[in-house]
Protein backbone atom coordinates (compact mmCIF):
# COMPACT_ATOMS: atom_id res chain seq x y z
CA ASP A 1 0.00 0.00 0.00
CA PRO A 2 1.59 3.31 -1.12
CA ALA A 3 0.06 5.22 1.79
CA VAL A 4 1.88 2.93 4.21
CA THR A 5 5.23 2.63 2.41
CA GLY A 6 5.49 6.19 1.11
CA LYS A 7 6.59 4.74 -2.25
CA PRO A 8 4.86 5.68 -5.51
CA ALA A 9 2.52 3.20 -7.16
CA LEU A 10 0.02 2.90 -9.98
CA ILE A 11 -3.46 1.46 -9.49
CA ARG A 12 -4.74 -0.25 -12.64
CA LYS A 13 -8.35 0.95 -12.80
CA ARG A 14 -9.72 -2.04 -14.72
CA THR A 15 -8.41 -4.62 -12.24
CA GLY A 16 -7.64 -2.67 -9.04
CA GLU A 17 -4.09 -4.06 -9.12
CA CYS A 18 -1.52 -2.00 -7.17
CA ILE A 19 1.76 -1.73 -9.08
CA PRO A 20 4.70 -0.39 -7.03
CA ILE A 21 7.07 1.91 -8.94
CA VAL A 22 10.47 0.32 -8.41
CA GLY A 23 13.73 2.04 -9.34
CA LYS A 24 14.40 5.36 -11.04
CA ALA A 25 12.90 4.37 -14.41
CA PHE A 26 9.90 1.98 -14.38
CA SER A 27 8.89 0.91 -17.90
CA ILE A 28 5.41 -0.08 -19.08
CA GLY A 29 4.57 -1.85 -22.34
CA SER A 30 3.30 -4.99 -24.03
CA THR A 31 6.41 -7.16 -24.37
CA PRO A 32 7.28 -9.40 -21.42
CA GLY A 33 10.95 -9.26 -20.49
CA MET A 34 11.40 -5.82 -22.09
CA VAL A 35 9.42 -3.86 -19.50
CA ASP A 36 8.93 -3.70 -15.74
CA TYR A 37 5.13 -3.93 -16.08
CA CYS A 38 3.54 -5.78 -18.99
CA ILE A 39 0.06 -5.00 -20.35
CA SER A 40 -0.65 -8.09 -22.45
CA GLY A 41 -3.46 -8.71 -24.89
CA ASN A 42 -3.86 -5.08 -25.95
CA SER A 43 -2.62 -4.31 -29.48
CA ALA A 44 -2.81 -0.54 -28.82
CA VAL A 45 -0.02 -0.78 -26.22
CA ALA A 46 3.50 -0.48 -27.68
CA SER A 47 6.33 -2.86 -26.75
CA ARG A 48 7.98 -0.16 -24.61
CA HIS A 49 5.14 2.33 -24.39
CA ALA A 50 6.08 4.62 -21.49
CA GLU A 51 8.03 4.87 -18.28
CA VAL A 52 7.63 6.50 -14.90
CA ARG A 53 10.82 8.27 -13.84
CA VAL A 54 11.54 9.08 -10.21
CA LYS A 55 13.80 12.08 -9.50
CA ASP A 56 14.28 13.88 -6.19
CA GLY A 57 11.12 12.33 -4.74
CA LYS A 58 8.96 13.41 -7.70
CA CYS A 59 7.51 11.26 -10.49
CA TYR A 60 7.26 11.97 -14.21
CA LEU A 61 5.68 10.06 -17.09
CA VAL A 62 7.61 9.80 -20.36
CA GLN A 63 6.09 8.33 -23.51
CA LEU A 64 8.76 6.16 -25.14
CA ALA A 65 7.02 5.02 -28.33
CA PRO A 66 6.80 7.87 -30.88
CA LYS A 67 3.34 6.98 -32.21
CA ALA A 68 1.80 5.66 -29.00
CA SER A 69 -1.33 7.03 -27.34
CA THR A 70 -0.53 8.27 -23.84
CA LYS A 71 -2.51 10.80 -21.80
CA VAL A 72 -2.11 12.40 -18.39
CA ASP A 73 -5.42 13.63 -16.93
CA GLY A 74 -6.98 13.44 -20.39
CA VAL A 75 -4.26 15.48 -22.15
CA ALA A 76 -2.06 13.80 -24.77
CA VAL A 77 1.64 13.87 -23.95
CA ALA A 78 4.45 14.36 -26.45
CA PRO A 79 7.06 11.61 -26.85
CA ARG A 80 10.22 11.90 -24.72
CA VAL A 81 8.83 14.81 -22.62
CA GLU A 82 8.70 14.43 -18.81
CA THR A 83 5.17 15.12 -17.59
CA PRO A 84 4.85 15.62 -13.81
CA LEU A 85 2.67 13.16 -11.87
CA HIS A 86 0.89 13.68 -8.55
CA THR A 87 -1.41 11.65 -6.30
CA GLY A 88 -4.73 11.36 -8.11
CA THR A 89 -3.30 11.85 -11.61
CA VAL A 90 -4.84 9.50 -14.17
CA ILE A 91 -2.51 8.02 -16.78
CA ALA A 92 -4.01 6.46 -19.93
CA ILE A 93 -1.73 4.06 -21.80
CA ALA A 94 -3.79 3.39 -24.91
CA ASP A 95 -7.17 2.49 -23.31
CA GLU A 96 -5.70 1.24 -20.02
CA GLU A 97 -6.09 3.72 -17.15
CA PHE A 98 -3.92 3.95 -14.05
CA LEU A 99 -4.33 6.11 -10.96
CA VAL A 100 -1.14 7.54 -9.46
CA GLN A 101 -0.53 7.14 -5.72
CA MET A 102 2.44 8.89 -4.12
């Protein structure tokens, strides 16, 4: 539980799964073994779609795939640009939504 550990996490809205953000760059995508968290069975998710970067106690989302669909609170993000994340932020990776917990 992020509230107990003080570590950032993502809550996958569709399943309620809590995904702890581990390390300084936590990758998300569709190819097992290439990413830290795999979203399988969704052709709209790129192999290495995005990553959450942790710097100085703050989190940022970076879209890795140039043509991927990634949104933060409903706003499309540009590839390779760090977008700040906060508790309550909703990340959409293709049509998969995640709630940020800090």
